[in-house]
Amino acid sequence: MLLRTILAATTLAAALLVPATAAVATPPTATDRTSTTATGRATATTDQAATSSATTADQAATSAGRAGGTGTDQAAAATGGRAGGDPASARVAATANPVIVVGGLVGVAIAYEPIAARLRADGFRVYVYQLPGLGFGDITESARAFATYVDQVRAATGAARVDVVGHSEGGLVARWYAKFLGGTDRIGRYVSLGSPQQGTYVANILAFVGLGSCVGIIACQQMSIGSDFLTDLNAGDDTPGAVRWTTIRTNQDELVRPVDNAILADGATNVLVQASCPLRVVGHLGLVLDGTTYTVVRQALTDAPIRPNCLAL
């Protein structure tokens, strides 16, 4: 019993402390002004979008994934270029869809500043969405709140569609929104980072150590393999609408087990980092910080061929 208690305490400590560590690992640059609002609201950012002759500041203000059962793993040789994996001259147009980075369970907004900063540096207009209640509650309710947030971003930018990068639970929130709340008409590209699309055994770790089913955390119960939530989410087409669906996963994911539960069927592009970069070590939270992973994110958001840069920092 003592061993079980120690294991449980260790698990909870890791879940609560690592996101904060990730936030500190790569602080915002001096040119990025970032302020986090209340839970479930936006992070206001100044987006830097430049061409060779001029620089345009995009002001981002806040108010309030078809054939094949497992998808296609991308295994291509990495090419040279900048840290983003593309030629230094390649930047997205200022008219590209705004990008919403959707946090995961216990994922405070500042923890996603590293990937947001990379996106801004490449010319994207970026918003960070922190899940209501840090994602502990019903994922379907978080998806409803996210639907409202998407409309706010669309109104603020004048964009018809947004692109979504969802980490962990955030990928499930965005996928529920797309599938059941009309999101297929409002999302252009969907990229998930280590999202337990088919559930994870780790969600039941607390039950394993004798402390009950996810200690009453609804979202944790919903991410358990075979949950009613996942049964509904995975019924029928995994990749509805005209959305371009991409998933990214890593062999070293500590929280999504088995790691192939992070993929989608029905024609999604499923990328395993180590298929191209076998020596790359990337953990669950590392997907937000890792340079190679970012090259895939950027390629997916620009409809470029998926060629992970194994040397990217």
C-alpha atoms as a PDB file:
ATOM      1  CA  MET A   1       0.000   0.000   0.000  1.00  0.00           C
ATOM      2  CA  LEU A   2       2.878   2.351   0.767  1.00  0.00           C
ATOM      3  CA  LEU A   3       4.361   1.645  -2.654  1.00  0.00           C
ATOM      4  CA  ARG A   4       1.047   2.416  -4.316  1.00  0.00           C
ATOM      5  CA  THR A   5       0.766   5.701  -2.468  1.00  0.00           C
ATOM      6  CA  ILE A   6       4.302   6.728  -3.463  1.00  0.00           C
ATOM      7  CA  LEU A   7       3.627   5.890  -7.118  1.00  0.00           C
ATOM      8  CA  ALA A   8       0.424   7.884  -7.098  1.00  0.00           C
ATOM      9  CA  ALA A   9       2.076  10.899  -5.526  1.00  0.00           C
ATOM     10  CA  THR A  10       4.890  10.758  -8.078  1.00  0.00           C
ATOM     11  CA  THR A  11       2.405  10.600 -10.959  1.00  0.00           C
ATOM     12  CA  LEU A  12       0.434  13.577  -9.714  1.00  0.00           C
ATOM     13  CA  ALA A  13       3.565  15.617  -9.082  1.00  0.00           C
ATOM     14  CA  ALA A  14       4.829  14.973 -12.609  1.00  0.00           C
ATOM     15  CA  ALA A  15       1.508  15.952 -14.156  1.00  0.00           C
ATOM     16  CA  LEU A  16       1.324  19.182 -12.190  1.00  0.00           C
ATOM     17  CA  LEU A  17       4.918  20.352 -12.332  1.00  0.00           C
ATOM     18  CA  VAL A  18       6.156  19.548 -15.840  1.00  0.00           C
ATOM     19  CA  PRO A  19       3.987  22.067 -17.715  1.00  0.00           C
ATOM     20  CA  ALA A  20       5.384  24.866 -15.568  1.00  0.00           C
ATOM     21  CA  THR A  21       8.904  23.633 -16.284  1.00  0.00           C
ATOM     22  CA  ALA A  22       8.163  23.645 -20.010  1.00  0.00           C
ATOM     23  CA  ALA A  23       7.080  27.246 -19.774  1.00  0.00           C
ATOM     24  CA  VAL A  24      10.389  28.244 -18.245  1.00  0.00           C
ATOM     25  CA  ALA A  25      12.493  26.227 -20.693  1.00  0.00           C
ATOM     26  CA  THR A  26      12.069  28.714 -23.563  1.00  0.00           C
ATOM     27  CA  PRO A  27      10.890  32.119 -22.363  1.00  0.00           C
ATOM     28  CA  PRO A  28       9.264  34.632 -24.732  1.00  0.00           C
ATOM     29  CA  THR A  29      11.591  36.808 -26.751  1.00  0.00           C
ATOM     30  CA  ALA A  30      11.874  40.490 -26.021  1.00  0.00           C
ATOM     31  CA  THR A  31       9.829  41.412 -29.107  1.00  0.00           C
ATOM     32  CA  ASP A  32       6.868  39.228 -28.188  1.00  0.00           C
ATOM     33  CA  ARG A  33       4.370  40.838 -25.827  1.00  0.00           C
ATOM     34  CA  THR A  34       2.331  38.117 -24.205  1.00  0.00           C
ATOM     35  CA  SER A  35      -0.303  38.382 -21.496  1.00  0.00           C
ATOM     36  CA  THR A  36      -2.386  35.533 -20.169  1.00  0.00           C
ATOM     37  CA  THR A  37      -5.998  36.153 -19.227  1.00  0.00           C
ATOM     38  CA  ALA A  38      -8.374  34.071 -17.122  1.00  0.00           C
ATOM     39  CA  THR A  39      -8.652  30.336 -17.754  1.00  0.00           C
ATOM     40  CA  GLY A  40     -10.213  29.492 -21.123  1.00  0.00           C
ATOM     41  CA  ARG A  41      -9.488  32.897 -22.623  1.00  0.00           C
ATOM     42  CA  ALA A  42      -6.964  34.127 -25.130  1.00  0.00           C
ATOM     43  CA  THR A  43      -3.309  35.064 -24.896  1.00  0.00           C
ATOM     44  CA  ALA A  44      -2.863  38.455 -26.500  1.00  0.00           C
ATOM     45  CA  THR A  45       0.149  38.526 -28.783  1.00  0.00           C
ATOM     46  CA  THR A  46       1.888  40.830 -31.200  1.00  0.00           C
ATOM     47  CA  ASP A  47       2.519  38.776 -34.324  1.00  0.00           C
ATOM     48  CA  GLN A  48       5.499  39.693 -36.481  1.00  0.00           C
ATOM     49  CA  ALA A  49       4.903  39.113 -40.223  1.00  0.00           C
ATOM     50  CA  ALA A  50       7.612  40.296 -42.623  1.00  0.00           C
ATOM     51  CA  THR A  51       8.436  40.272 -46.329  1.00  0.00           C
ATOM     52  CA  SER A  52      11.817  41.104 -47.929  1.00  0.00           C
ATOM     53  CA  SER A  53      10.830  44.746 -48.336  1.00  0.00           C
ATOM     54  CA  ALA A  54       8.511  45.516 -45.437  1.00  0.00           C
ATOM     55  CA  THR A  55       7.300  44.322 -42.051  1.00  0.00           C
ATOM     56  CA  THR A  56       3.646  44.140 -41.086  1.00  0.00           C
ATOM     57  CA  ALA A  57       2.588  43.797 -37.463  1.00  0.00           C
ATOM     58  CA  ASP A  58      -0.514  41.625 -37.173  1.00  0.00           C
ATOM     59  CA  GLN A  59      -2.386  42.512 -34.020  1.00  0.00           C
ATOM     60  CA  ALA A  60      -3.976  39.516 -32.329  1.00  0.00           C
ATOM     61  CA  ALA A  61      -6.495  40.683 -29.722  1.00  0.00           C
ATOM     62  CA  THR A  62      -8.528  38.693 -27.249  1.00  0.00           C
ATOM     63  CA  SER A  63     -12.063  39.184 -25.931  1.00  0.00           C
ATOM     64  CA  ALA A  64     -13.187  36.744 -24.121  1.00  0.00           C
ATOM     65  CA  GLY A  65      -8.045  15.168 -39.323  1.00  0.00           C
ATOM     66  CA  ARG A  66      -9.468   8.964 -46.631  1.00  0.00           C
ATOM     67  CA  ALA A  67      -8.338   5.557 -47.160  1.00  0.00           C
ATOM     68  CA  GLY A  68      -6.530   3.105 -44.899  1.00  0.00           C
ATOM     69  CA  GLY A  69      -7.131   2.124 -41.338  1.00  0.00           C
ATOM     70  CA  THR A  70      -3.957   3.531 -39.845  1.00  0.00           C
ATOM     71  CA  GLY A  71      -3.042   6.473 -42.061  1.00  0.00           C
ATOM     72  CA  THR A  72       0.338   7.061 -43.675  1.00  0.00           C
ATOM     73  CA  ASP A  73       3.533   7.440 -41.655  1.00  0.00           C
ATOM     74  CA  GLN A  74       5.886   9.980 -43.175  1.00  0.00           C
ATOM     75  CA  ALA A  75       9.530   8.839 -43.422  1.00  0.00           C
ATOM     76  CA  ALA A  76      11.537  11.313 -45.491  1.00  0.00           C
ATOM     77  CA  ALA A  77      15.152  12.441 -45.347  1.00  0.00           C
ATOM     78  CA  ALA A  78      15.700  15.705 -43.532  1.00  0.00           C
ATOM     79  CA  THR A  79      16.959  18.600 -45.615  1.00  0.00           C
ATOM     80  CA  GLY A  80      19.002  21.639 -44.719  1.00  0.00           C
ATOM     81  CA  GLY A  81      17.729  25.112 -43.990  1.00  0.00           C
ATOM     82  CA  ARG A  82      16.768  27.171 -41.017  1.00  0.00           C
ATOM     83  CA  ALA A  83      15.688  25.864 -37.631  1.00  0.00           C
ATOM     84  CA  GLY A  84      12.116  25.699 -38.919  1.00  0.00           C
ATOM     85  CA  GLY A  85      13.167  23.148 -41.554  1.00  0.00           C
ATOM     86  CA  ASP A  86      12.407  25.430 -44.519  1.00  0.00           C
ATOM     87  CA  PRO A  87      14.514  27.923 -46.513  1.00  0.00           C
ATOM     88  CA  ALA A  88      15.194  31.114 -44.633  1.00  0.00           C
ATOM     89  CA  SER A  89      13.305  33.105 -47.252  1.00  0.00           C
ATOM     90  CA  ALA A  90      10.088  31.107 -46.831  1.00  0.00           C
ATOM     91  CA  ARG A  91       7.524  32.876 -44.668  1.00  0.00           C
ATOM     92  CA  VAL A  92       3.799  32.489 -44.562  1.00  0.00           C
ATOM     93  CA  ALA A  93       1.607  35.187 -46.017  1.00  0.00           C
ATOM     94  CA  ALA A  94      -0.064  37.578 -43.630  1.00  0.00           C
ATOM     95  CA  THR A  95      -3.382  36.390 -45.080  1.00  0.00           C
ATOM     96  CA  ALA A  96      -2.820  32.785 -43.921  1.00  0.00           C
ATOM     97  CA  ASN A  97      -5.281  31.350 -41.436  1.00  0.00           C
ATOM     98  CA  PRO A  98      -4.689  32.402 -37.850  1.00  0.00           C
ATOM     99  CA  VAL A  99      -3.347  29.546 -35.747  1.00  0.00           C
ATOM    100  CA  ILE A 100      -4.829  28.545 -32.397  1.00  0.00           C
ATOM    101  CA  VAL A 101      -2.561  26.488 -30.147  1.00  0.00           C
ATOM    102  CA  VAL A 102      -4.846  24.463 -27.852  1.00  0.00           C
ATOM    103  CA  GLY A 103      -3.351  23.424 -24.544  1.00  0.00           C
ATOM    104  CA  GLY A 104      -3.714  20.080 -22.828  1.00  0.00           C
ATOM    105  CA  LEU A 105      -4.584  18.875 -19.346  1.00  0.00           C
ATOM    106  CA  VAL A 106      -2.976  21.137 -16.744  1.00  0.00           C
ATOM    107  CA  GLY A 107      -1.472  23.078 -19.641  1.00  0.00           C
ATOM    108  CA  VAL A 108      -1.245  26.701 -18.610  1.00  0.00           C
ATOM    109  CA  ALA A 109      -1.035  29.112 -21.528  1.00  0.00           C
ATOM    110  CA  ILE A 110       2.559  30.176 -20.896  1.00  0.00           C
ATOM    111  CA  ALA A 111       3.708  26.559 -21.355  1.00  0.00           C
ATOM    112  CA  TYR A 112       2.871  26.916 -25.057  1.00  0.00           C
ATOM    113  CA  GLU A 113       4.819  30.110 -25.588  1.00  0.00           C
ATOM    114  CA  PRO A 114       7.827  28.220 -27.084  1.00  0.00           C
ATOM    115  CA  ILE A 115       5.836  26.864 -30.026  1.00  0.00           C
ATOM    116  CA  ALA A 116       3.806  30.057 -30.307  1.00  0.00           C
ATOM    117  CA  ALA A 117       7.028  32.071 -30.554  1.00  0.00           C
ATOM    118  CA  ARG A 118       8.329  29.793 -33.326  1.00  0.00           C
ATOM    119  CA  LEU A 119       5.086  30.232 -35.254  1.00  0.00           C
ATOM    120  CA  ARG A 120       5.138  33.997 -34.835  1.00  0.00           C
ATOM    121  CA  ALA A 121       8.745  34.124 -36.040  1.00  0.00           C
ATOM    122  CA  ASP A 122       7.609  32.329 -39.208  1.00  0.00           C
ATOM    123  CA  GLY A 123       4.888  34.870 -39.835  1.00  0.00           C
ATOM    124  CA  PHE A 124       1.795  33.173 -38.397  1.00  0.00           C
ATOM    125  CA  ARG A 125      -0.837  35.020 -36.402  1.00  0.00           C
ATOM    126  CA  VAL A 126      -0.997  32.997 -33.208  1.00  0.00           C
ATOM    127  CA  TYR A 127      -3.449  32.591 -30.356  1.00  0.00           C
ATOM    128  CA  VAL A 128      -3.025  30.309 -27.345  1.00  0.00           C
ATOM    129  CA  TYR A 129      -6.135  28.710 -25.844  1.00  0.00           C
ATOM    130  CA  GLN A 130      -5.944  27.480 -22.269  1.00  0.00           C
ATOM    131  CA  LEU A 131      -8.641  24.896 -21.533  1.00  0.00           C
ATOM    132  CA  PRO A 132     -11.320  25.951 -19.039  1.00  0.00           C
ATOM    133  CA  GLY A 133     -10.471  24.682 -15.573  1.00  0.00           C
ATOM    134  CA  LEU A 134      -7.094  23.565 -16.961  1.00  0.00           C
ATOM    135  CA  GLY A 135      -8.893  20.760 -18.793  1.00  0.00           C
ATOM    136  CA  PHE A 136     -10.011  18.778 -15.747  1.00  0.00           C
ATOM    137  CA  GLY A 137     -13.704  18.926 -16.688  1.00  0.00           C
ATOM    138  CA  ASP A 138     -15.889  17.373 -19.368  1.00  0.00           C
ATOM    139  CA  ILE A 139     -14.086  17.522 -22.733  1.00  0.00           C
ATOM    140  CA  THR A 140     -17.367  18.126 -24.554  1.00  0.00           C
ATOM    141  CA  GLU A 141     -17.949  21.240 -22.445  1.00  0.00           C
ATOM    142  CA  SER A 142     -14.399  22.416 -23.179  1.00  0.00           C
ATOM    143  CA  ALA A 143     -15.182  21.932 -26.881  1.00  0.00           C
ATOM    144  CA  ARG A 144     -18.242  24.150 -26.590  1.00  0.00           C
ATOM    145  CA  ALA A 145     -16.178  26.865 -24.956  1.00  0.00           C
ATOM    146  CA  PHE A 146     -13.555  26.428 -27.682  1.00  0.00           C
ATOM    147  CA  ALA A 147     -16.254  26.918 -30.341  1.00  0.00           C
ATOM    148  CA  THR A 148     -17.003  30.336 -28.878  1.00  0.00           C
ATOM    149  CA  TYR A 149     -13.312  31.175 -28.785  1.00  0.00           C
ATOM    150  CA  VAL A 150     -12.839  30.215 -32.445  1.00  0.00           C
ATOM    151  CA  ASP A 151     -15.631  32.584 -33.411  1.00  0.00           C
ATOM    152  CA  GLN A 152     -13.951  35.349 -31.406  1.00  0.00           C
ATOM    153  CA  VAL A 153     -10.670  34.822 -33.246  1.00  0.00           C
ATOM    154  CA  ARG A 154     -12.452  34.757 -36.607  1.00  0.00           C
ATOM    155  CA  ALA A 155     -14.241  37.983 -35.779  1.00  0.00           C
ATOM    156  CA  ALA A 156     -11.029  39.673 -34.593  1.00  0.00           C
ATOM    157  CA  THR A 157      -9.056  38.679 -37.688  1.00  0.00           C
ATOM    158  CA  GLY A 158     -11.717  38.580 -40.388  1.00  0.00           C
ATOM    159  CA  ALA A 159     -10.619  35.027 -41.242  1.00  0.00           C
ATOM    160  CA  ALA A 160     -13.190  32.491 -42.428  1.00  0.00           C
ATOM    161  CA  ARG A 161     -11.169  29.584 -41.019  1.00  0.00           C
ATOM    162  CA  VAL A 162      -8.517  28.992 -38.392  1.00  0.00           C
ATOM    163  CA  ASP A 163      -5.814  26.355 -38.204  1.00  0.00           C
ATOM    164  CA  VAL A 164      -5.487  24.360 -34.990  1.00  0.00           C
ATOM    165  CA  VAL A 165      -2.452  22.860 -33.245  1.00  0.00           C
ATOM    166  CA  GLY A 166      -3.732  20.791 -30.317  1.00  0.00           C
ATOM    167  CA  HIS A 167      -1.465  19.274 -27.695  1.00  0.00           C
ATOM    168  CA  SER A 168      -2.640  16.157 -25.864  1.00  0.00           C
ATOM    169  CA  GLU A 169      -6.210  16.726 -24.600  1.00  0.00           C
ATOM    170  CA  GLY A 170      -6.323  19.883 -26.692  1.00  0.00           C
ATOM    171  CA  GLY A 171      -6.353  17.756 -29.832  1.00  0.00           C
ATOM    172  CA  LEU A 172      -9.443  15.925 -28.565  1.00  0.00           C
ATOM    173  CA  VAL A 173     -11.196  19.168 -27.697  1.00  0.00           C
ATOM    174  CA  ALA A 174     -10.607  20.541 -31.195  1.00  0.00           C
ATOM    175  CA  ARG A 175     -11.604  17.244 -32.814  1.00  0.00           C
ATOM    176  CA  TRP A 176     -14.909  17.085 -30.899  1.00  0.00           C
ATOM    177  CA  TYR A 177     -15.576  20.660 -31.967  1.00  0.00           C
ATOM    178  CA  ALA A 178     -14.871  19.773 -35.596  1.00  0.00           C
ATOM    179  CA  LYS A 179     -16.954  16.610 -35.608  1.00  0.00           C
ATOM    180  CA  PHE A 180     -19.990  17.589 -33.573  1.00  0.00           C
ATOM    181  CA  LEU A 181     -20.130  21.371 -33.260  1.00  0.00           C
ATOM    182  CA  GLY A 182     -19.761  22.580 -36.832  1.00  0.00           C
ATOM    183  CA  GLY A 183     -16.016  23.030 -36.690  1.00  0.00           C
ATOM    184  CA  THR A 184     -15.338  21.433 -40.074  1.00  0.00           C
ATOM    185  CA  ASP A 185     -16.579  24.658 -41.650  1.00  0.00           C
ATOM    186  CA  ARG A 186     -14.268  26.769 -39.511  1.00  0.00           C
ATOM    187  CA  ILE A 187     -11.030  24.748 -39.353  1.00  0.00           C
ATOM    188  CA  GLY A 188      -8.677  24.594 -42.326  1.00  0.00           C
ATOM    189  CA  ARG A 189      -5.867  22.483 -40.911  1.00  0.00           C
ATOM    190  CA  TYR A 190      -5.754  20.323 -37.800  1.00  0.00           C
ATOM    191  CA  VAL A 191      -2.473  19.203 -36.222  1.00  0.00           C
ATOM    192  CA  SER A 192      -2.402  17.132 -33.037  1.00  0.00           C
ATOM    193  CA  LEU A 193       0.670  16.648 -30.858  1.00  0.00           C
ATOM    194  CA  GLY A 194       0.527  13.464 -28.798  1.00  0.00           C
ATOM    195  CA  SER A 195      -3.273  13.453 -28.515  1.00  0.00           C
ATOM    196  CA  PRO A 196      -4.720  10.140 -27.253  1.00  0.00           C
ATOM    197  CA  GLN A 197      -7.128   9.810 -30.188  1.00  0.00           C
ATOM    198  CA  GLN A 198      -7.902   6.189 -29.263  1.00  0.00           C
ATOM    199  CA  GLY A 199      -7.280   6.666 -25.560  1.00  0.00           C
ATOM    200  CA  THR A 200      -4.388   5.758 -23.302  1.00  0.00           C
ATOM    201  CA  TYR A 201      -3.728   3.163 -20.630  1.00  0.00           C
ATOM    202  CA  VAL A 202      -1.941   5.819 -18.608  1.00  0.00           C
ATOM    203  CA  ALA A 203      -5.219   7.607 -17.980  1.00  0.00           C
ATOM    204  CA  ASN A 204      -6.043   4.753 -15.609  1.00  0.00           C
ATOM    205  CA  ILE A 205      -2.702   4.813 -13.775  1.00  0.00           C
ATOM    206  CA  LEU A 206      -4.344   6.035 -10.598  1.00  0.00           C
ATOM    207  CA  ALA A 207      -6.825   3.182 -10.664  1.00  0.00           C
ATOM    208  CA  PHE A 208      -3.855   0.858 -11.164  1.00  0.00           C
ATOM    209  CA  VAL A 209      -2.203   2.108  -7.990  1.00  0.00           C
ATOM    210  CA  GLY A 210      -5.426   1.809  -6.031  1.00  0.00           C
ATOM    211  CA  LEU A 211      -6.655   5.406  -5.830  1.00  0.00           C
ATOM    212  CA  GLY A 212      -9.777   5.075  -7.978  1.00  0.00           C
ATOM    213  CA  SER A 213     -10.606   5.832 -11.577  1.00  0.00           C
ATOM    214  CA  CYS A 214      -8.613   8.992 -12.359  1.00  0.00           C
ATOM    215  CA  VAL A 215      -9.429  10.310  -8.856  1.00  0.00           C
ATOM    216  CA  GLY A 216     -12.690  11.678 -10.190  1.00  0.00           C
ATOM    217  CA  ILE A 217     -11.102  13.788 -12.956  1.00  0.00           C
ATOM    218  CA  ILE A 218     -13.686  13.653 -15.742  1.00  0.00           C
ATOM    219  CA  ALA A 219     -11.300  14.398 -18.613  1.00  0.00           C
ATOM    220  CA  CYS A 220      -8.942  11.674 -17.419  1.00  0.00           C
ATOM    221  CA  GLN A 221     -11.815   9.175 -17.402  1.00  0.00           C
ATOM    222  CA  GLN A 222     -12.817  10.274 -20.904  1.00  0.00           C
ATOM    223  CA  MET A 223      -9.264   9.703 -22.205  1.00  0.00           C
ATOM    224  CA  SER A 224      -9.245   6.116 -20.910  1.00  0.00           C
ATOM    225  CA  ILE A 225      -9.337   3.456 -23.614  1.00  0.00           C
ATOM    226  CA  GLY A 226     -12.919   2.368 -24.295  1.00  0.00           C
ATOM    227  CA  SER A 227     -14.592   5.361 -22.648  1.00  0.00           C
ATOM    228  CA  ASP A 228     -18.027   6.457 -23.850  1.00  0.00           C
ATOM    229  CA  PHE A 229     -16.515   9.757 -24.951  1.00  0.00           C
ATOM    230  CA  LEU A 230     -13.938   8.083 -27.213  1.00  0.00           C
ATOM    231  CA  THR A 231     -16.508   5.604 -28.522  1.00  0.00           C
ATOM    232  CA  ASP A 232     -18.627   8.515 -29.717  1.00  0.00           C
ATOM    233  CA  LEU A 233     -15.667  10.518 -31.032  1.00  0.00           C
ATOM    234  CA  ASN A 234     -14.249   7.575 -33.013  1.00  0.00           C
ATOM    235  CA  ALA A 235     -17.544   6.325 -34.459  1.00  0.00           C
ATOM    236  CA  GLY A 236     -17.680   6.737 -38.224  1.00  0.00           C
ATOM    237  CA  ASP A 237     -15.287   9.017 -40.093  1.00  0.00           C
ATOM    238  CA  ASP A 238     -12.137  10.050 -38.209  1.00  0.00           C
ATOM    239  CA  THR A 239     -11.476  12.937 -40.596  1.00  0.00           C
ATOM    240  CA  PRO A 240     -14.752  14.652 -41.552  1.00  0.00           C
ATOM    241  CA  GLY A 241     -15.096  17.630 -43.841  1.00  0.00           C
ATOM    242  CA  ALA A 242     -12.478  19.388 -45.925  1.00  0.00           C
ATOM    243  CA  VAL A 243     -10.065  19.785 -42.998  1.00  0.00           C
ATOM    244  CA  ARG A 244      -6.461  18.695 -43.629  1.00  0.00           C
ATOM    245  CA  TRP A 245      -5.814  16.295 -40.730  1.00  0.00           C
ATOM    246  CA  THR A 246      -2.292  15.631 -39.378  1.00  0.00           C
ATOM    247  CA  THR A 247      -1.177  13.826 -36.230  1.00  0.00           C
ATOM    248  CA  ILE A 248       2.317  13.819 -34.740  1.00  0.00           C
ATOM    249  CA  ARG A 249       3.480  11.240 -32.206  1.00  0.00           C
ATOM    250  CA  THR A 250       6.702  10.062 -30.573  1.00  0.00           C
ATOM    251  CA  ASN A 251       7.959   6.676 -29.412  1.00  0.00           C
ATOM    252  CA  GLN A 252       9.018   8.185 -26.088  1.00  0.00           C
ATOM    253  CA  ASP A 253       5.577   9.482 -25.158  1.00  0.00           C
ATOM    254  CA  GLU A 254       5.173   8.741 -21.468  1.00  0.00           C
ATOM    255  CA  LEU A 255       1.460   9.519 -21.306  1.00  0.00           C
ATOM    256  CA  VAL A 256      -0.028   8.144 -24.540  1.00  0.00           C
ATOM    257  CA  ARG A 257       0.398   4.376 -24.463  1.00  0.00           C
ATOM    258  CA  PRO A 258       0.408   2.626 -26.805  1.00  0.00           C
ATOM    259  CA  VAL A 259       1.849   5.477 -28.841  1.00  0.00           C
ATOM    260  CA  ASP A 260      -0.046   4.398 -31.986  1.00  0.00           C
ATOM    261  CA  ASN A 261      -3.236   5.410 -30.210  1.00  0.00           C
ATOM    262  CA  ALA A 262      -2.275   8.946 -31.184  1.00  0.00           C
ATOM    263  CA  ILE A 263      -3.102   8.388 -34.882  1.00  0.00           C
ATOM    264  CA  LEU A 264      -6.238   8.883 -36.952  1.00  0.00           C
ATOM    265  CA  ALA A 265      -7.610   6.710 -39.756  1.00  0.00           C
ATOM    266  CA  ASP A 266      -9.509   7.667 -42.919  1.00  0.00           C
ATOM    267  CA  GLY A 267      -6.667   9.368 -44.767  1.00  0.00           C
ATOM    268  CA  ALA A 268      -5.056  11.467 -42.060  1.00  0.00           C
ATOM    269  CA  THR A 269      -1.338  12.158 -42.329  1.00  0.00           C
ATOM    270  CA  ASN A 270       0.175  10.386 -39.326  1.00  0.00           C
ATOM    271  CA  VAL A 271       3.765  11.325 -38.523  1.00  0.00           C
ATOM    272  CA  LEU A 272       6.011   9.375 -36.160  1.00  0.00           C
ATOM    273  CA  VAL A 273       9.021  11.536 -35.340  1.00  0.00           C
ATOM    274  CA  GLN A 274      11.374   8.565 -35.061  1.00  0.00           C
ATOM    275  CA  ALA A 275      10.370   7.176 -38.483  1.00  0.00           C
ATOM    276  CA  SER A 276      12.520   9.886 -40.009  1.00  0.00           C
ATOM    277  CA  CYS A 277      14.760  10.690 -37.048  1.00  0.00           C
ATOM    278  CA  PRO A 278      15.353   7.429 -35.140  1.00  0.00           C
ATOM    279  CA  LEU A 279      17.802   9.027 -32.705  1.00  0.00           C
ATOM    280  CA  ARG A 280      15.488  11.878 -31.766  1.00  0.00           C
ATOM    281  CA  VAL A 281      14.272  11.639 -28.186  1.00  0.00           C
ATOM    282  CA  VAL A 282      11.009  13.509 -27.638  1.00  0.00           C
ATOM    283  CA  GLY A 283       8.693  13.100 -24.678  1.00  0.00           C
ATOM    284  CA  HIS A 284       5.010  13.985 -24.402  1.00  0.00           C
ATOM    285  CA  LEU A 285       5.573  17.566 -23.322  1.00  0.00           C
ATOM    286  CA  GLY A 286       8.688  17.737 -25.480  1.00  0.00           C
ATOM    287  CA  LEU A 287       6.436  17.763 -28.550  1.00  0.00           C
ATOM    288  CA  VAL A 288       5.751  21.408 -27.749  1.00  0.00           C
ATOM    289  CA  LEU A 289       9.458  22.290 -27.428  1.00  0.00           C
ATOM    290  CA  ASP A 290      11.207  20.037 -29.963  1.00  0.00           C
ATOM    291  CA  GLY A 291      12.650  21.617 -33.113  1.00  0.00           C
ATOM    292  CA  THR A 292      12.162  18.574 -35.339  1.00  0.00           C
ATOM    293  CA  THR A 293       8.536  18.334 -34.309  1.00  0.00           C
ATOM    294  CA  TYR A 294       8.086  21.994 -35.101  1.00  0.00           C
ATOM    295  CA  THR A 295       9.360  21.492 -38.657  1.00  0.00           C
ATOM    296  CA  VAL A 296       6.506  19.015 -39.177  1.00  0.00           C
ATOM    297  CA  VAL A 297       3.976  21.398 -37.651  1.00  0.00           C
ATOM    298  CA  ARG A 298       5.083  24.191 -39.941  1.00  0.00           C
ATOM    299  CA  GLN A 299       5.016  21.959 -43.025  1.00  0.00           C
ATOM    300  CA  ALA A 300       1.509  20.764 -42.168  1.00  0.00           C
ATOM    301  CA  LEU A 301       0.275  24.319 -41.695  1.00  0.00           C
ATOM    302  CA  THR A 302       1.703  25.398 -45.066  1.00  0.00           C
ATOM    303  CA  ASP A 303       0.620  22.282 -47.008  1.00  0.00           C
ATOM    304  CA  ALA A 304       4.292  21.471 -47.675  1.00  0.00           C
ATOM    305  CA  PRO A 305       5.693  17.929 -48.079  1.00  0.00           C
ATOM    306  CA  ILE A 306       6.396  16.370 -44.694  1.00  0.00           C
ATOM    307  CA  ARG A 307      10.191  16.194 -44.392  1.00  0.00           C
ATOM    308  CA  PRO A 308      11.232  16.400 -40.724  1.00  0.00           C
ATOM    309  CA  ASN A 309      14.491  18.195 -40.114  1.00  0.00           C
ATOM    310  CA  CYS A 310      16.311  15.878 -37.726  1.00  0.00           C
ATOM    311  CA  LEU A 311      18.903  18.532 -36.871  1.00  0.00           C
ATOM    312  CA  ALA A 312      16.500  21.322 -35.975  1.00  0.00           C
ATOM    313  CA  LEU A 313      16.919  22.780 -32.520  1.00  0.00           C
END
